[in-house]
């Protein structure tokens, strides 16, 4: 009987070892499957990140283009002494137009309109809407 118990104990130990090996193998397979899933999730996350970055770059470039378009559409052309330049429409002092056109402050500024020249007072202002033409002339008159 002692041999019989020994055989049963040996079978039981062998069965436990087999179960333990199967359990380790299954754990290894689960671990490998988990690593594959993690790697796939990481790849998908990276792809989504790249797509997001690309979309943001495209949106940013589109926004920059729109701003550039808006910026250019806000500017109008004026001419001072046969030199064209672009500025935003609005009211400007005569002094500012002289500065923008590179006209010395000691000169008079005249605005051309319908083929006629009108002298602009140094302390005056002018409304710019686009296509205005200005000319400068040396001031004449009595000196002290």
N, C-alpha and C. Protein backbone atom coordinates (compact mmCIF):
# COMPACT_ATOMS: atom_id res chain seq x y z
N UNK A 1 0.82 -1.18 0.00
CA UNK A 1 0.00 0.00 0.00
C UNK A 1 0.87 1.24 0.00
N UNK A 2 1.97 1.11 0.61
CA UNK A 2 2.86 2.24 0.67
C UNK A 2 3.29 2.65 -0.73
N UNK A 3 3.56 1.69 -1.60
CA UNK A 3 3.95 1.97 -2.97
C UNK A 3 2.82 2.64 -3.73
N UNK A 4 1.61 2.21 -3.44
CA UNK A 4 0.42 2.78 -4.10
C UNK A 4 0.29 4.26 -3.74
N UNK A 5 0.50 4.59 -2.47
CA UNK A 5 0.41 5.99 -2.04
C UNK A 5 1.54 6.81 -2.68
N UNK A 6 2.69 6.17 -2.78
CA UNK A 6 3.83 6.83 -3.39
C UNK A 6 3.53 7.13 -4.85
N UNK A 7 2.91 6.19 -5.55
CA UNK A 7 2.54 6.38 -6.96
C UNK A 7 1.52 7.50 -7.10
N UNK A 8 0.53 7.50 -6.20
CA UNK A 8 -0.51 8.54 -6.25
C UNK A 8 0.10 9.91 -5.97
N UNK A 9 0.99 9.96 -4.98
CA UNK A 9 1.65 11.23 -4.65
C UNK A 9 2.50 11.71 -5.84
N UNK A 10 3.19 10.81 -6.50
CA UNK A 10 4.00 11.15 -7.66
C UNK A 10 3.15 11.65 -8.81
N UNK A 11 2.00 10.98 -9.01
CA UNK A 11 1.08 11.42 -10.06
C UNK A 11 0.53 12.81 -9.72
N UNK A 12 0.22 12.99 -8.45
CA UNK A 12 -0.32 14.28 -8.01
C UNK A 12 0.73 15.39 -8.22
N UNK A 13 1.97 15.13 -7.87
CA UNK A 13 3.04 16.10 -8.05
C UNK A 13 3.23 16.38 -9.54
N UNK A 14 3.20 15.33 -10.32
CA UNK A 14 3.37 15.50 -11.76
C UNK A 14 2.21 16.31 -12.34
N UNK A 15 1.01 16.04 -11.87
CA UNK A 15 -0.18 16.79 -12.32
C UNK A 15 -0.06 18.26 -11.94
N UNK A 16 0.42 18.52 -10.71
CA UNK A 16 0.61 19.90 -10.27
C UNK A 16 1.68 20.60 -11.12
N UNK A 17 2.74 19.90 -11.42
CA UNK A 17 3.79 20.48 -12.25
C UNK A 17 3.26 20.78 -13.65
N UNK A 18 2.48 19.88 -14.19
CA UNK A 18 1.89 20.09 -15.51
C UNK A 18 0.98 21.32 -15.49
N UNK A 19 0.13 21.39 -14.46
CA UNK A 19 -0.77 22.54 -14.33
C UNK A 19 0.03 23.83 -14.16
N UNK A 20 1.10 23.76 -13.38
CA UNK A 20 1.94 24.94 -13.16
C UNK A 20 2.58 25.38 -14.48
N UNK A 21 3.09 24.45 -15.26
CA UNK A 21 3.70 24.77 -16.55
C UNK A 21 2.66 25.35 -17.52
N UNK A 22 1.46 24.77 -17.52
CA UNK A 22 0.38 25.29 -18.38
C UNK A 22 0.03 26.72 -17.95
N UNK A 23 -0.04 26.92 -16.63
CA UNK A 23 -0.36 28.25 -16.11
C UNK A 23 0.73 29.26 -16.52
N UNK A 24 2.01 28.88 -16.39
CA UNK A 24 3.10 29.76 -16.80
C UNK A 24 3.04 30.05 -18.30
N UNK A 25 2.75 29.02 -19.10
CA UNK A 25 2.65 29.21 -20.55
C UNK A 25 1.51 30.17 -20.88
N UNK A 26 0.35 29.99 -20.23
CA UNK A 26 -0.79 30.87 -20.47
C UNK A 26 -0.48 32.31 -20.03
N UNK A 27 0.21 32.44 -18.88
CA UNK A 27 0.61 33.78 -18.44
C UNK A 27 1.54 34.43 -19.45
N UNK A 28 2.47 33.64 -19.98
CA UNK A 28 3.40 34.16 -21.00
C UNK A 28 2.65 34.59 -22.24
N UNK A 29 1.68 33.78 -22.68
CA UNK A 29 0.89 34.13 -23.86
C UNK A 29 0.07 35.39 -23.60
N UNK A 30 -0.52 35.47 -22.40
CA UNK A 30 -1.29 36.67 -22.06
C UNK A 30 -0.39 37.90 -22.02
N UNK A 31 0.80 37.74 -21.47
CA UNK A 31 1.74 38.85 -21.40
C UNK A 31 2.13 39.31 -22.81
N UNK A 32 2.41 38.35 -23.69
CA UNK A 32 2.75 38.69 -25.07
C UNK A 32 1.58 39.38 -25.78
N UNK A 33 0.38 38.86 -25.56
CA UNK A 33 -0.81 39.47 -26.17
C UNK A 33 -0.99 40.89 -25.64
N UNK A 34 -0.78 41.07 -24.34
CA UNK A 34 -0.89 42.39 -23.73
C UNK A 34 0.13 43.35 -24.35
N UNK A 35 1.37 42.89 -24.52
CA UNK A 35 2.41 43.72 -25.13
C UNK A 35 2.05 44.09 -26.57
N UNK A 36 1.49 43.14 -27.32
CA UNK A 36 1.07 43.43 -28.71
C UNK A 36 -0.03 44.49 -28.72
N UNK A 37 -1.00 44.35 -27.83
CA UNK A 37 -2.10 45.32 -27.76
C UNK A 37 -1.55 46.69 -27.36
N UNK A 38 -0.65 46.73 -26.37
CA UNK A 38 -0.04 48.00 -25.96
C UNK A 38 0.72 48.65 -27.12
N UNK A 39 1.48 47.84 -27.85
CA UNK A 39 2.25 48.36 -28.99
C UNK A 39 1.30 48.91 -30.06
N UNK A 40 0.22 48.18 -30.33
CA UNK A 40 -0.75 48.63 -31.33
C UNK A 40 -1.42 49.93 -30.88
N UNK A 41 -1.78 50.01 -29.61
CA UNK A 41 -2.38 51.24 -29.08
C UNK A 41 -1.41 52.41 -29.19
N UNK A 42 -0.14 52.14 -28.91
CA UNK A 42 0.87 53.19 -29.01
C UNK A 42 1.00 53.67 -30.46
N UNK A 43 1.01 52.72 -31.43
CA UNK A 43 1.09 53.10 -32.84
C UNK A 43 -0.13 53.94 -33.25
N UNK A 44 -1.31 53.49 -32.83
CA UNK A 44 -2.53 54.23 -33.17
C UNK A 44 -2.52 55.62 -32.53
N UNK A 45 -2.05 55.69 -31.28
CA UNK A 45 -1.97 56.99 -30.60
C UNK A 45 -1.01 57.91 -31.33
N UNK A 46 0.14 57.38 -31.78
CA UNK A 46 1.11 58.18 -32.52
C UNK A 46 0.52 58.64 -33.85
N UNK A 47 -0.20 57.74 -34.53
CA UNK A 47 -0.83 58.13 -35.80
C UNK A 47 -1.86 59.23 -35.58
N UNK A 48 -2.68 59.10 -34.53
CA UNK A 48 -3.67 60.13 -34.22
C UNK A 48 -2.98 61.45 -33.88
N UNK A 49 -1.88 61.36 -33.14
CA UNK A 49 -1.13 62.57 -32.79
C UNK A 49 -0.60 63.24 -34.06
N UNK A 50 -0.02 62.45 -34.96
CA UNK A 50 0.50 63.00 -36.22
C UNK A 50 -0.61 63.63 -37.04
N UNK A 51 -1.78 62.96 -37.10
CA UNK A 51 -2.92 63.53 -37.83
C UNK A 51 -3.34 64.85 -37.20
N UNK A 52 -3.38 64.87 -35.86
CA UNK A 52 -3.77 66.09 -35.14
C UNK A 52 -2.79 67.22 -35.43
N UNK A 53 -1.49 66.89 -35.38
CA UNK A 53 -0.46 67.90 -35.66
C UNK A 53 -0.62 68.41 -37.09
N UNK A 54 -0.84 67.48 -38.03
CA UNK A 54 -1.01 67.86 -39.43
C UNK A 54 -2.24 68.76 -39.60
N UNK A 55 -3.35 68.39 -38.94
CA UNK A 55 -4.56 69.21 -39.02
C UNK A 55 -4.31 70.60 -38.44
N UNK A 56 -3.61 70.66 -37.28
CA UNK A 56 -3.32 71.95 -36.68
C UNK A 56 -2.44 72.80 -37.59
N UNK A 57 -1.41 72.15 -38.21
CA UNK A 57 -0.54 72.88 -39.12
C UNK A 57 -1.33 73.40 -40.31
N UNK A 58 -2.21 72.55 -40.85
CA UNK A 58 -3.02 72.98 -41.99
C UNK A 58 -3.94 74.13 -41.60
N UNK A 59 -4.56 73.99 -40.42
CA UNK A 59 -5.45 75.05 -39.95
C UNK A 59 -4.67 76.33 -39.72
N UNK A 60 -3.47 76.20 -39.11
CA UNK A 60 -2.63 77.37 -38.85
C UNK A 60 -2.23 78.04 -40.16
N UNK A 61 -1.80 77.24 -41.14
CA UNK A 61 -1.41 77.80 -42.43
C UNK A 61 -2.60 78.46 -43.10
N UNK A 62 -3.77 77.82 -43.01
CA UNK A 62 -4.98 78.40 -43.59
C UNK A 62 -5.31 79.72 -42.91
N UNK A 63 -5.18 79.74 -41.57
CA UNK A 63 -5.46 80.96 -40.81
C UNK A 63 -4.45 82.05 -41.18
N UNK A 64 -3.16 81.66 -41.31
CA UNK A 64 -2.15 82.65 -41.71
C UNK A 64 -2.48 83.21 -43.09
N UNK A 65 -2.91 82.33 -44.01
CA UNK A 65 -3.24 82.78 -45.36
C UNK A 65 -4.42 83.74 -45.30
N UNK A 66 -5.44 83.39 -44.49
CA UNK A 66 -6.60 84.28 -44.37
C UNK A 66 -6.18 85.62 -43.79
N UNK A 67 -5.32 85.58 -42.74
CA UNK A 67 -4.86 86.84 -42.15
C UNK A 67 -4.09 87.64 -43.18
N UNK A 68 -3.24 86.94 -43.97
CA UNK A 68 -2.46 87.63 -44.98
C UNK A 68 -3.40 88.25 -46.01
N UNK A 69 -4.41 87.47 -46.42
CA UNK A 69 -5.38 88.00 -47.38
C UNK A 69 -6.09 89.22 -46.79
N UNK A 70 -6.55 89.06 -45.50
CA UNK A 70 -7.23 90.18 -44.85
C UNK A 70 -6.30 91.38 -44.75
N UNK A 71 -5.05 91.11 -44.39
CA UNK A 71 -4.08 92.20 -44.23
C UNK A 71 -3.90 92.93 -45.55
N UNK A 72 -3.74 92.16 -46.64
CA UNK A 72 -3.55 92.79 -47.93
C UNK A 72 -4.83 93.50 -48.40
N UNK A 73 -5.98 92.93 -48.09
CA UNK A 73 -7.22 93.56 -48.55
C UNK A 73 -7.50 94.84 -47.77
N UNK A 74 -6.88 95.02 -46.59
CA UNK A 74 -7.07 96.23 -45.80
C UNK A 74 -6.23 97.38 -46.34
N UNK A 75 -5.19 97.08 -47.11
CA UNK A 75 -4.30 98.12 -47.58
C UNK A 75 -4.78 98.71 -48.89
N UNK A 76 -4.58 100.00 -49.03
CA UNK A 76 -4.92 100.69 -50.28
C UNK A 76 -3.67 101.41 -50.77
N UNK A 77 -3.66 101.72 -52.02
CA UNK A 77 -2.49 102.34 -52.62
C UNK A 77 -2.65 103.86 -52.67
N UNK A 78 -1.55 104.53 -52.33
CA UNK A 78 -1.49 105.98 -52.51
C UNK A 78 -0.18 106.27 -53.24
N UNK A 79 -0.10 107.44 -53.84
CA UNK A 79 1.11 107.84 -54.55
C UNK A 79 1.57 109.18 -54.00
N UNK A 80 2.85 109.25 -53.64
CA UNK A 80 3.45 110.50 -53.18
C UNK A 80 4.68 110.74 -54.04
N UNK A 81 4.65 111.86 -54.78
CA UNK A 81 5.78 112.20 -55.67
C UNK A 81 6.15 111.03 -56.59
N UNK A 82 5.16 110.46 -57.25
CA UNK A 82 5.33 109.37 -58.22
C UNK A 82 5.83 108.06 -57.62
N UNK A 83 5.81 107.95 -56.29
CA UNK A 83 6.18 106.69 -55.64
C UNK A 83 4.93 106.12 -54.99
N UNK A 84 4.59 104.88 -55.38
CA UNK A 84 3.40 104.23 -54.82
C UNK A 84 3.74 103.52 -53.52
N UNK A 85 2.76 103.48 -52.65
CA UNK A 85 2.89 102.76 -51.39
C UNK A 85 1.53 102.29 -50.94
N UNK A 86 1.50 101.36 -49.99
CA UNK A 86 0.22 100.83 -49.49
C UNK A 86 0.08 101.16 -48.01
N UNK A 87 -1.09 101.64 -47.66
CA UNK A 87 -1.41 101.93 -46.26
C UNK A 87 -2.86 101.54 -46.01
N UNK A 88 -3.22 101.49 -44.74
CA UNK A 88 -4.61 101.19 -44.38
C UNK A 88 -5.46 102.42 -44.65
N UNK A 89 -6.68 102.21 -45.12
CA UNK A 89 -7.57 103.36 -45.31
C UNK A 89 -7.90 104.00 -43.96
N UNK A 90 -8.22 105.29 -44.01
CA UNK A 90 -8.59 106.00 -42.79
C UNK A 90 -8.10 107.43 -42.84
N UNK A 91 -8.23 108.11 -41.71
CA UNK A 91 -7.81 109.50 -41.62
C UNK A 91 -6.36 109.58 -41.17
N UNK A 92 -5.58 110.43 -41.87
CA UNK A 92 -4.17 110.64 -41.56
C UNK A 92 -3.90 112.13 -41.49
N UNK A 93 -2.96 112.49 -40.62
CA UNK A 93 -2.53 113.89 -40.61
C UNK A 93 -1.66 114.13 -41.84
N UNK A 94 -1.57 115.38 -42.25
CA UNK A 94 -0.70 115.74 -43.38
C UNK A 94 0.74 115.39 -43.02
N UNK A 95 1.12 115.64 -41.77
CA UNK A 95 2.47 115.32 -41.32
C UNK A 95 2.73 113.82 -41.51
N UNK A 96 1.77 112.97 -41.18
CA UNK A 96 1.94 111.52 -41.32
C UNK A 96 2.09 111.12 -42.79
N UNK A 97 1.32 111.72 -43.67
CA UNK A 97 1.43 111.41 -45.11
C UNK A 97 2.81 111.84 -45.61
N UNK A 98 3.30 112.99 -45.15
CA UNK A 98 4.64 113.42 -45.53
C UNK A 98 5.68 112.39 -45.08
N UNK A 99 5.55 111.94 -43.83
CA UNK A 99 6.49 110.94 -43.31
C UNK A 99 6.43 109.65 -44.12
N UNK A 100 5.21 109.17 -44.38
CA UNK A 100 5.04 107.94 -45.14
C UNK A 100 5.61 108.06 -46.55
N UNK A 101 5.50 109.24 -47.14
CA UNK A 101 5.98 109.46 -48.51
C UNK A 101 7.42 109.92 -48.59
N UNK A 102 8.07 110.10 -47.45
CA UNK A 102 9.45 110.55 -47.46
C UNK A 102 9.60 112.01 -47.85
N UNK A 103 8.58 112.79 -47.57
CA UNK A 103 8.59 114.22 -47.91
C UNK A 103 9.11 115.01 -46.71
N UNK A 104 10.10 115.87 -46.90
CA UNK A 104 10.59 116.69 -45.78
C UNK A 104 9.45 117.55 -45.22
N UNK A 105 9.43 117.70 -43.91
CA UNK A 105 8.37 118.49 -43.28
C UNK A 105 8.41 119.95 -43.71
N UNK A 106 9.52 120.42 -44.20
CA UNK A 106 9.65 121.81 -44.65
C UNK A 106 8.96 122.04 -46.00
N UNK A 107 8.51 120.98 -46.65
CA UNK A 107 7.84 121.10 -47.95
C UNK A 107 6.33 121.16 -47.77
N UNK A 108 5.66 121.70 -48.78
CA UNK A 108 4.20 121.67 -48.83
C UNK A 108 3.76 120.33 -49.41
N UNK A 109 2.57 119.88 -49.01
CA UNK A 109 2.00 118.69 -49.61
C UNK A 109 0.72 119.09 -50.32
N UNK A 110 0.60 118.68 -51.56
CA UNK A 110 -0.58 118.98 -52.37
C UNK A 110 -1.26 117.67 -52.75
N UNK A 111 -2.58 117.71 -52.78
CA UNK A 111 -3.32 116.52 -53.19
C UNK A 111 -3.91 116.76 -54.57
N UNK A 112 -3.69 115.79 -55.46
CA UNK A 112 -4.24 115.87 -56.80
C UNK A 112 -5.61 115.23 -56.81
N UNK A 113 -6.57 116.00 -57.36
CA UNK A 113 -7.93 115.49 -57.45
C UNK A 113 -8.58 116.08 -58.70
N UNK A 114 -9.06 115.23 -59.56
CA UNK A 114 -9.68 115.66 -60.83
C UNK A 114 -8.73 116.56 -61.63
N UNK A 115 -7.44 116.25 -61.62
CA UNK A 115 -6.47 117.01 -62.40
C UNK A 115 -6.06 118.33 -61.77
N UNK A 116 -6.57 118.65 -60.58
CA UNK A 116 -6.22 119.90 -59.91
C UNK A 116 -5.43 119.58 -58.64
N UNK A 117 -4.59 120.52 -58.24
CA UNK A 117 -3.80 120.37 -57.02
C UNK A 117 -4.36 121.25 -55.92
N UNK A 118 -4.54 120.66 -54.74
CA UNK A 118 -5.03 121.42 -53.59
C UNK A 118 -3.97 121.37 -52.50
N UNK A 119 -3.58 122.55 -52.00
CA UNK A 119 -2.58 122.65 -50.94
C UNK A 119 -3.19 122.15 -49.64
N UNK A 120 -2.47 121.26 -48.95
CA UNK A 120 -2.94 120.73 -47.67
C UNK A 120 -2.19 121.44 -46.54
N UNK A 121 -2.93 121.90 -45.56
CA UNK A 121 -2.32 122.59 -44.41
C UNK A 121 -1.54 121.58 -43.57
N UNK A 122 -0.37 121.99 -43.08
CA UNK A 122 0.46 121.09 -42.27
C UNK A 122 -0.27 120.56 -41.04
N UNK A 123 -1.19 121.37 -40.50
CA UNK A 123 -1.92 120.92 -39.31
C UNK A 123 -3.25 120.27 -39.67
N UNK A 124 -3.45 119.98 -40.95
CA UNK A 124 -4.69 119.36 -41.41
C UNK A 124 -4.60 117.84 -41.47
N UNK A 125 -5.66 117.27 -41.99
CA UNK A 125 -5.69 115.81 -42.15
C UNK A 125 -6.35 115.48 -43.49
N UNK A 126 -6.21 114.24 -43.88
CA UNK A 126 -6.76 113.79 -45.15
C UNK A 126 -7.31 112.38 -44.93
N UNK A 127 -8.41 112.08 -45.60
CA UNK A 127 -9.00 110.74 -45.53
C UNK A 127 -8.49 109.92 -46.70
N UNK A 128 -7.92 108.76 -46.37
CA UNK A 128 -7.38 107.86 -47.39
C UNK A 128 -8.40 106.75 -47.64
N UNK A 129 -8.82 106.63 -48.89
CA UNK A 129 -9.73 105.56 -49.28
C UNK A 129 -9.06 104.65 -50.31
N UNK A 130 -8.02 105.20 -50.96
CA UNK A 130 -7.30 104.44 -51.97
C UNK A 130 -7.16 105.27 -53.23
N UNK A 131 -6.04 105.16 -53.90
CA UNK A 131 -5.74 105.83 -55.16
C UNK A 131 -5.50 107.33 -55.03
N UNK A 132 -5.27 107.83 -53.82
CA UNK A 132 -4.97 109.25 -53.66
C UNK A 132 -3.57 109.53 -54.21
N UNK A 133 -3.42 110.74 -54.78
CA UNK A 133 -2.13 111.14 -55.36
C UNK A 133 -1.72 112.45 -54.71
N UNK A 134 -0.47 112.46 -54.21
CA UNK A 134 0.06 113.64 -53.54
C UNK A 134 1.36 114.07 -54.21
N UNK A 135 1.63 115.37 -54.12
CA UNK A 135 2.87 115.93 -54.66
C UNK A 135 3.44 116.85 -53.61
N UNK A 136 4.76 116.95 -53.57
CA UNK A 136 5.38 117.86 -52.63
C UNK A 136 6.04 119.00 -53.42
N UNK A 137 6.10 120.17 -52.76
CA UNK A 137 6.74 121.34 -53.35
C UNK A 137 7.48 122.08 -52.26
N UNK A 138 8.58 122.70 -52.66
CA UNK A 138 9.31 123.53 -51.72
C UNK A 138 8.38 124.67 -51.31
N UNK A 139 8.34 124.95 -50.01
CA UNK A 139 7.49 126.07 -49.55
C UNK A 139 8.09 127.36 -50.03
N UNK A 140 7.23 128.23 -50.49
CA UNK A 140 7.67 129.58 -50.92
C UNK A 140 7.00 130.59 -50.02
N UNK A 141 7.59 131.74 -49.92
CA UNK A 141 6.95 132.78 -49.12
C UNK A 141 8.01 133.59 -48.41
N UNK A 142 7.55 134.50 -47.60
CA UNK A 142 8.45 135.40 -46.90
C UNK A 142 9.18 134.66 -45.81
N UNK A 143 10.44 135.00 -45.66
CA UNK A 143 11.21 134.40 -44.55
C UNK A 143 11.53 135.49 -43.57
N UNK A 144 11.77 135.15 -42.33
CA UNK A 144 12.03 136.17 -41.34
C UNK A 144 13.46 136.46 -41.14
